[in-house]
C-alpha atoms as a PDB file:
ATOM      1  CA  MET A   1     -28.067  18.287  -7.034  1.00  0.00           C
ATOM      2  CA  LYS A   2     -26.524  21.361  -6.516  1.00  0.00           C
ATOM      3  CA  LYS A   3     -23.375  22.786  -5.996  1.00  0.00           C
ATOM      4  CA  SER A   4     -22.658  23.757  -2.581  1.00  0.00           C
ATOM      5  CA  ASN A   5     -21.138  26.536  -1.648  1.00  0.00           C
ATOM      6  CA  ASN A   6     -17.279  25.454  -2.144  1.00  0.00           C
ATOM      7  CA  LYS A   7     -15.605  28.256   0.339  1.00  0.00           C
ATOM      8  CA  ARG A   8     -11.806  26.128  -0.673  1.00  0.00           C
ATOM      9  CA  GLY A   9     -10.110  22.936  -2.269  1.00  0.00           C
ATOM     10  CA  PHE A  10     -11.219  19.909  -1.546  1.00  0.00           C
ATOM     11  CA  PHE A  11      -8.161  16.786  -1.484  1.00  0.00           C
ATOM     12  CA  ILE A  12      -9.643  13.103  -2.061  1.00  0.00           C
ATOM     13  CA  THR A  13      -7.732  10.748  -2.291  1.00  0.00           C
ATOM     14  CA  ILE A  14      -8.567   7.019  -3.110  1.00  0.00           C
ATOM     15  CA  GLU A  15      -6.271   4.211  -1.781  1.00  0.00           C
ATOM     16  CA  GLY A  16      -5.959   0.337  -1.810  1.00  0.00           C
ATOM     17  CA  GLY A  17      -3.504  -2.828  -3.234  1.00  0.00           C
ATOM     18  CA  ASP A  18      -3.299  -3.812  -6.802  1.00  0.00           C
ATOM     19  CA  GLY A  19      -6.814  -4.765  -8.243  1.00  0.00           C
ATOM     20  CA  VAL A  20      -8.997  -3.071  -6.209  1.00  0.00           C
ATOM     21  CA  GLY A  21     -10.311  -0.655  -8.495  1.00  0.00           C
ATOM     22  CA  LYS A  22      -8.649   2.355  -7.077  1.00  0.00           C
ATOM     23  CA  THR A  23      -8.506   3.839 -11.144  1.00  0.00           C
ATOM     24  CA  THR A  24     -12.320   2.526 -11.920  1.00  0.00           C
ATOM     25  CA  HIS A  25     -13.680   4.397  -9.519  1.00  0.00           C
ATOM     26  CA  CYS A  26     -11.546   8.084  -9.162  1.00  0.00           C
ATOM     27  CA  ASP A  27     -13.438   8.422 -12.821  1.00  0.00           C
ATOM     28  CA  LEU A  28     -16.201   6.959 -11.845  1.00  0.00           C
ATOM     29  CA  LEU A  29     -16.452   9.871  -8.578  1.00  0.00           C
ATOM     30  CA  SER A  30     -15.146  12.359 -11.100  1.00  0.00           C
ATOM     31  CA  GLU A  31     -18.615  11.960 -13.109  1.00  0.00           C
ATOM     32  CA  SER A  32     -20.438  12.146 -10.664  1.00  0.00           C
ATOM     33  CA  LEU A  33     -18.844  15.098  -8.948  1.00  0.00           C
ATOM     34  CA  ARG A  34     -18.881  16.538 -12.569  1.00  0.00           C
ATOM     35  CA  LYS A  35     -22.502  16.202 -13.040  1.00  0.00           C
ATOM     36  CA  ALA A  36     -23.601  17.643  -9.507  1.00  0.00           C
ATOM     37  CA  ASP A  37     -21.802  20.768 -10.749  1.00  0.00           C
ATOM     38  CA  PHE A  38     -18.216  19.936  -8.757  1.00  0.00           C
ATOM     39  CA  GLU A  39     -15.201  21.779 -10.751  1.00  0.00           C
ATOM     40  CA  VAL A  40     -13.035  18.470 -10.132  1.00  0.00           C
ATOM     41  CA  VAL A  41      -8.922  17.400 -11.224  1.00  0.00           C
ATOM     42  CA  ASN A  42      -7.708  14.022 -11.271  1.00  0.00           C
ATOM     43  CA  VAL A  43      -4.481  12.982 -10.698  1.00  0.00           C
ATOM     44  CA  ARG A  44      -2.479  10.012  -9.627  1.00  0.00           C
ATOM     45  CA  GLU A  45       0.583   8.721  -8.442  1.00  0.00           C
ATOM     46  CA  PRO A  46       3.109   8.270  -9.827  1.00  0.00           C
ATOM     47  CA  GLY A  47       2.233  10.806 -12.397  1.00  0.00           C
ATOM     48  CA  GLY A  48       0.305  13.949 -13.532  1.00  0.00           C
ATOM     49  CA  THR A  49       3.406  15.888 -14.030  1.00  0.00           C
ATOM     50  CA  LEU A  50       6.376  15.838 -16.704  1.00  0.00           C
ATOM     51  CA  ILE A  51       8.810  14.622 -13.800  1.00  0.00           C
ATOM     52  CA  GLY A  52       6.009  12.413 -13.111  1.00  0.00           C
ATOM     53  CA  GLU A  53       5.157  10.430 -15.928  1.00  0.00           C
ATOM     54  CA  GLN A  54       8.967   9.778 -16.569  1.00  0.00           C
ATOM     55  CA  ILE A  55       9.223   8.692 -12.878  1.00  0.00           C
ATOM     56  CA  ARG A  56       6.099   6.222 -13.051  1.00  0.00           C
ATOM     57  CA  GLU A  57       8.067   4.706 -16.085  1.00  0.00           C
ATOM     58  CA  ILE A  58      10.577   3.984 -14.076  1.00  0.00           C
ATOM     59  CA  VAL A  59       8.830   2.869 -10.541  1.00  0.00           C
ATOM     60  CA  LYS A  60       6.383   0.833 -12.640  1.00  0.00           C
ATOM     61  CA  ASN A  61       7.969  -1.588 -14.705  1.00  0.00           C
ATOM     62  CA  ASN A  62      10.800  -3.837 -14.426  1.00  0.00           C
ATOM     63  CA  TYR A  63      13.532  -1.731 -12.987  1.00  0.00           C
ATOM     64  CA  THR A  64      15.239  -2.903 -10.364  1.00  0.00           C
ATOM     65  CA  PRO A  65      15.586   0.399  -8.075  1.00  0.00           C
ATOM     66  CA  SER A  66      16.897  -0.387  -3.988  1.00  0.00           C
ATOM     67  CA  ALA A  67      14.117   0.401  -1.638  1.00  0.00           C
ATOM     68  CA  ILE A  68      15.735   3.695  -0.574  1.00  0.00           C
ATOM     69  CA  THR A  69      16.024   4.956  -4.320  1.00  0.00           C
ATOM     70  CA  GLU A  70      12.351   3.878  -4.904  1.00  0.00           C
ATOM     71  CA  LEU A  71      10.967   5.738  -2.270  1.00  0.00           C
ATOM     72  CA  LEU A  72      13.117   8.614  -3.543  1.00  0.00           C
ATOM     73  CA  LEU A  73      11.697   8.181  -6.457  1.00  0.00           C
ATOM     74  CA  PHE A  74       7.950   8.303  -5.211  1.00  0.00           C
ATOM     75  CA  GLU A  75       8.397  10.905  -3.033  1.00  0.00           C
ATOM     76  CA  ALA A  76      10.015  13.382  -6.479  1.00  0.00           C
ATOM     77  CA  ALA A  77       7.469  12.667  -8.132  1.00  0.00           C
ATOM     78  CA  ARG A  78       5.130  14.174  -4.831  1.00  0.00           C
ATOM     79  CA  SER A  79       6.423  17.008  -4.952  1.00  0.00           C
ATOM     80  CA  GLU A  80       6.247  17.962  -8.391  1.00  0.00           C
ATOM     81  CA  LEU A  81       2.794  17.159  -8.247  1.00  0.00           C
ATOM     82  CA  ILE A  82       1.821  19.203  -5.238  1.00  0.00           C
ATOM     83  CA  HIS A  83       3.686  22.363  -6.306  1.00  0.00           C
ATOM     84  CA  LYS A  84       2.299  22.069  -9.714  1.00  0.00           C
ATOM     85  CA  VAL A  85      -0.728  20.856  -9.658  1.00  0.00           C
ATOM     86  CA  ILE A  86      -3.001  19.881  -6.783  1.00  0.00           C
ATOM     87  CA  THR A  87      -1.624  23.505  -4.500  1.00  0.00           C
ATOM     88  CA  PRO A  88      -2.914  25.701  -7.620  1.00  0.00           C
ATOM     89  CA  ALA A  89      -6.018  23.404  -7.563  1.00  0.00           C
ATOM     90  CA  ILE A  90      -6.045  23.972  -3.919  1.00  0.00           C
ATOM     91  CA  TYR A  91      -6.037  27.949  -4.566  1.00  0.00           C
ATOM     92  CA  ASN A  92      -8.156  27.884  -7.291  1.00  0.00           C
ATOM     93  CA  LYS A  93     -11.231  26.005  -4.935  1.00  0.00           C
ATOM     94  CA  LYS A  94     -11.781  22.816  -6.948  1.00  0.00           C
ATOM     95  CA  ILE A  95     -12.229  19.040  -6.359  1.00  0.00           C
ATOM     96  CA  ILE A  96      -9.299  16.736  -6.019  1.00  0.00           C
ATOM     97  CA  ILE A  97      -9.179  13.544  -6.498  1.00  0.00           C
ATOM     98  CA  ALA A  98      -6.115  11.470  -5.918  1.00  0.00           C
ATOM     99  CA  ASP A  99      -5.531   7.591  -7.483  1.00  0.00           C
ATOM    100  CA  ARG A 100      -2.562   6.942  -4.914  1.00  0.00           C
ATOM    101  CA  PHE A 101      -0.803   9.485  -2.948  1.00  0.00           C
ATOM    102  CA  MET A 102       1.366   9.560   0.565  1.00  0.00           C
ATOM    103  CA  ASP A 103      -0.586   6.158   2.577  1.00  0.00           C
ATOM    104  CA  SER A 104       0.868   4.186  -0.433  1.00  0.00           C
ATOM    105  CA  THR A 105       3.676   4.724   0.173  1.00  0.00           C
ATOM    106  CA  VAL A 106       3.745   4.331   3.656  1.00  0.00           C
ATOM    107  CA  ALA A 107       1.981   0.795   3.073  1.00  0.00           C
ATOM    108  CA  TYR A 108       3.737  -0.166  -0.139  1.00  0.00           C
ATOM    109  CA  GLN A 109       7.246   1.255   1.556  1.00  0.00           C
ATOM    110  CA  GLY A 110       7.335   1.184   4.832  1.00  0.00           C
ATOM    111  CA  TYR A 111       4.712  -1.925   6.150  1.00  0.00           C
ATOM    112  CA  GLY A 112       5.757  -4.279   2.339  1.00  0.00           C
ATOM    113  CA  ARG A 113       9.305  -3.578   2.076  1.00  0.00           C
ATOM    114  CA  GLY A 114       9.844  -2.350   5.552  1.00  0.00           C
ATOM    115  CA  ILE A 115      11.105   0.719   5.752  1.00  0.00           C
ATOM    116  CA  PRO A 116      11.361   2.865   8.966  1.00  0.00           C
ATOM    117  CA  LEU A 117       8.193   4.497   9.205  1.00  0.00           C
ATOM    118  CA  ASP A 118       9.451   7.446  10.615  1.00  0.00           C
ATOM    119  CA  ASN A 119      11.711   8.113   8.289  1.00  0.00           C
ATOM    120  CA  ILE A 120       9.088   7.894   4.984  1.00  0.00           C
ATOM    121  CA  ASN A 121       6.730  10.331   7.739  1.00  0.00           C
ATOM    122  CA  ILE A 122       9.450  12.910   7.402  1.00  0.00           C
ATOM    123  CA  LEU A 123      10.101  12.346   3.473  1.00  0.00           C
ATOM    124  CA  ASN A 124       6.487  12.350   3.327  1.00  0.00           C
ATOM    125  CA  LYS A 125       5.966  15.679   5.117  1.00  0.00           C
ATOM    126  CA  ILE A 126       8.501  17.698   2.645  1.00  0.00           C
ATOM    127  CA  SER A 127       7.258  15.859  -0.351  1.00  0.00           C
ATOM    128  CA  THR A 128       3.650  16.975  -0.426  1.00  0.00           C
ATOM    129  CA  ASN A 129       4.290  20.616   1.850  1.00  0.00           C
ATOM    130  CA  ASN A 130       2.074  19.405   4.965  1.00  0.00           C
ATOM    131  CA  ILE A 131      -1.203  19.139   3.160  1.00  0.00           C
ATOM    132  CA  THR A 132      -2.929  15.980   3.504  1.00  0.00           C
ATOM    133  CA  PRO A 133      -5.885  15.444   2.516  1.00  0.00           C
ATOM    134  CA  ASP A 134      -8.990  16.296   3.331  1.00  0.00           C
ATOM    135  CA  LEU A 135     -10.690  12.537   3.211  1.00  0.00           C
ATOM    136  CA  SER A 136      -8.869   9.296   2.518  1.00  0.00           C
ATOM    137  CA  ILE A 137     -10.854   5.735   1.139  1.00  0.00           C
ATOM    138  CA  LEU A 138      -9.809   2.509   1.276  1.00  0.00           C
ATOM    139  CA  LEU A 139     -11.061   0.045  -1.180  1.00  0.00           C
ATOM    140  CA  ASN A 140     -10.589  -3.202   1.038  1.00  0.00           C
ATOM    141  CA  SER A 141     -10.580  -6.706  -1.032  1.00  0.00           C
ATOM    142  CA  PRO A 142      -9.926  -9.980   0.031  1.00  0.00           C
ATOM    143  CA  VAL A 143      -5.818  -9.633  -1.740  1.00  0.00           C
ATOM    144  CA  SER A 144      -6.203 -12.992  -3.719  1.00  0.00           C
ATOM    145  CA  ILE A 145      -9.459 -11.662  -5.591  1.00  0.00           C
ATOM    146  CA  SER A 146      -7.759  -8.347  -5.687  1.00  0.00           C
ATOM    147  CA  LEU A 147      -4.638  -9.756  -7.414  1.00  0.00           C
ATOM    148  CA  GLU A 148      -6.339 -12.284  -9.627  1.00  0.00           C
ATOM    149  CA  ARG A 149      -8.453  -8.527 -11.005  1.00  0.00           C
ATOM    150  CA  SER A 150      -5.572  -7.259 -11.876  1.00  0.00           C
ATOM    151  CA  ILE A 151      -4.457 -10.326 -14.108  1.00  0.00           C
ATOM    152  CA  ILE A 152      -7.261 -10.516 -15.753  1.00  0.00           C
ATOM    153  CA  ARG A 153      -6.969  -6.406 -16.753  1.00  0.00           C
ATOM    154  CA  ASP A 154      -2.940  -7.138 -17.833  1.00  0.00           C
ATOM    155  CA  SER A 155      -4.475  -9.938 -19.836  1.00  0.00           C
ATOM    156  CA  ILE A 156      -6.721  -7.932 -21.586  1.00  0.00           C
ATOM    157  CA  LYS A 157      -4.429  -5.058 -22.178  1.00  0.00           C
ATOM    158  CA  ASP A 158      -1.749  -7.953 -23.486  1.00  0.00           C
ATOM    159  CA  ASN A 159       0.758  -6.679 -20.745  1.00  0.00           C
ATOM    160  CA  ASN A 160       2.506  -9.357 -17.764  1.00  0.00           C
ATOM    161  CA  GLY A 161       1.748  -6.522 -15.089  1.00  0.00           C
ATOM    162  CA  THR A 162       3.619  -4.177 -12.973  1.00  0.00           C
ATOM    163  CA  ARG A 163       6.370  -4.284 -10.935  1.00  0.00           C
ATOM    164  CA  PHE A 164       4.304  -4.372  -7.580  1.00  0.00           C
ATOM    165  CA  GLU A 165       1.652  -6.513  -9.392  1.00  0.00           C
ATOM    166  CA  ASN A 166       4.391  -9.270  -9.995  1.00  0.00           C
ATOM    167  CA  GLU A 167       5.577  -8.965  -6.053  1.00  0.00           C
ATOM    168  CA  PRO A 168       4.255 -12.059  -4.196  1.00  0.00           C
ATOM    169  CA  ILE A 169       1.280 -12.129  -2.129  1.00  0.00           C
ATOM    170  CA  LYS A 170       3.038 -12.109   1.386  1.00  0.00           C
ATOM    171  CA  PHE A 171       4.283  -8.560   0.179  1.00  0.00           C
ATOM    172  CA  HIS A 172       1.008  -8.012  -0.451  1.00  0.00           C
ATOM    173  CA  ASN A 173      -0.753  -9.164   2.516  1.00  0.00           C
ATOM    174  CA  LYS A 174       1.956  -7.011   4.382  1.00  0.00           C
ATOM    175  CA  VAL A 175       0.716  -4.025   1.708  1.00  0.00           C
ATOM    176  CA  ASN A 176      -3.112  -4.438   2.453  1.00  0.00           C
ATOM    177  CA  LYS A 177      -2.473  -4.960   6.651  1.00  0.00           C
ATOM    178  CA  GLY A 178      -0.727  -1.463   6.204  1.00  0.00           C
ATOM    179  CA  PHE A 179      -3.098   0.006   4.936  1.00  0.00           C
ATOM    180  CA  LEU A 180      -5.818  -1.367   7.223  1.00  0.00           C
ATOM    181  CA  LYS A 181      -3.708  -0.097  10.426  1.00  0.00           C
ATOM    182  CA  ILE A 182      -3.168   3.093   8.582  1.00  0.00           C
ATOM    183  CA  ALA A 183      -6.958   3.209   7.973  1.00  0.00           C
ATOM    184  CA  GLU A 184      -7.821   2.422  11.301  1.00  0.00           C
ATOM    185  CA  SER A 185      -6.090   4.938  13.308  1.00  0.00           C
ATOM    186  CA  ASN A 186      -7.818   8.296  11.443  1.00  0.00           C
ATOM    187  CA  LEU A 187     -10.839   7.018  11.347  1.00  0.00           C
ATOM    188  CA  ASP A 188     -12.302  10.794  11.072  1.00  0.00           C
ATOM    189  CA  ARG A 189     -10.194  11.470   7.403  1.00  0.00           C
ATOM    190  CA  TRP A 190     -10.612   7.711   6.250  1.00  0.00           C
ATOM    191  CA  LYS A 191     -13.437   5.641   5.002  1.00  0.00           C
ATOM    192  CA  ILE A 192     -12.866   1.616   4.284  1.00  0.00           C
ATOM    193  CA  ILE A 193     -15.682   0.385   1.872  1.00  0.00           C
ATOM    194  CA  ASN A 194     -15.781  -2.975   0.433  1.00  0.00           C
ATOM    195  CA  SER A 195     -14.392  -2.993  -3.231  1.00  0.00           C
ATOM    196  CA  ASN A 196     -15.438  -6.444  -3.358  1.00  0.00           C
ATOM    197  CA  ARG A 197     -19.367  -5.175  -4.373  1.00  0.00           C
ATOM    198  CA  GLU A 198     -21.082  -4.738  -7.999  1.00  0.00           C
ATOM    199  CA  ILE A 199     -18.765  -1.445  -8.977  1.00  0.00           C
ATOM    200  CA  SER A 200     -22.714   0.615  -9.018  1.00  0.00           C
ATOM    201  CA  ILE A 201     -22.683  -0.398  -5.293  1.00  0.00           C
ATOM    202  CA  VAL A 202     -19.385   0.423  -4.742  1.00  0.00           C
ATOM    203  CA  ALA A 203     -19.283   3.948  -7.248  1.00  0.00           C
ATOM    204  CA  GLU A 204     -22.508   4.392  -4.880  1.00  0.00           C
ATOM    205  CA  ASP A 205     -21.625   3.940  -1.586  1.00  0.00           C
ATOM    206  CA  ILE A 206     -17.687   6.543  -2.248  1.00  0.00           C
ATOM    207  CA  PHE A 207     -20.409   9.253  -3.767  1.00  0.00           C
ATOM    208  CA  ASN A 208     -21.915   8.930  -0.377  1.00  0.00           C
ATOM    209  CA  SER A 209     -19.278   8.952   1.290  1.00  0.00           C
ATOM    210  CA  VAL A 210     -17.212  12.029  -0.586  1.00  0.00           C
ATOM    211  CA  ILE A 211     -21.071  14.194  -0.237  1.00  0.00           C
ATOM    212  CA  SER A 212     -21.458  13.665   3.444  1.00  0.00           C
ATOM    213  CA  VAL A 213     -18.099  14.689   3.706  1.00  0.00           C
ATOM    214  CA  LEU A 214     -18.410  17.844   1.889  1.00  0.00           C
ATOM    215  CA  ASP A 215     -21.756  19.135   3.113  1.00  0.00           C
ATOM    216  CA  ILE A 216     -20.225  19.369   6.711  1.00  0.00           C
ATOM    217  CA  LYS A 217     -17.034  21.446   5.173  1.00  0.00           C
ATOM    218  CA  ASN A 218     -18.333  23.454   3.100  1.00  0.00           C
END
């Protein structure tokens, strides 16, 4: 496949609950797009910058910040990522693939923690400098199955999981319902993909969804 005449950067986010395969499919999508001669920048949230990675250590491990502190830490990491990585990549006409972005904050801190969505939306606008993804992909899987994948993954890596993965299933059900509400309210931006299938089949669906939108935008 030949690269289209990409006139501007293109911003893709891959979202979903713990254990749905976001990181795996970010990597596979990047590999496929590079083979198709696109320039790709991979980022993750929180992280991707010096400050962002330091914040990641706080929010992903067994510290216990308040819900508001947790929210503000995510927003701070996002602001750094936007200004130092994502915005320059957009201006340089690259494809950005983000493993989580602002919608995870709405799902986890809003629907999961119960922080008012209006407050989160205000902070998201500030931290993103009003940059929104061109395409968001929701990897959807039954919560019990995705959490089981997380447990298996963590046993292989010889760790006890992250603070979020150790939350009760009630919390993860709220997050999952939140993601579906977010995606279903804006299907022009979102593609909902069943990730409870063979990895190669899911990866093909993601790639085809991205290519179809790239052809429209370019």
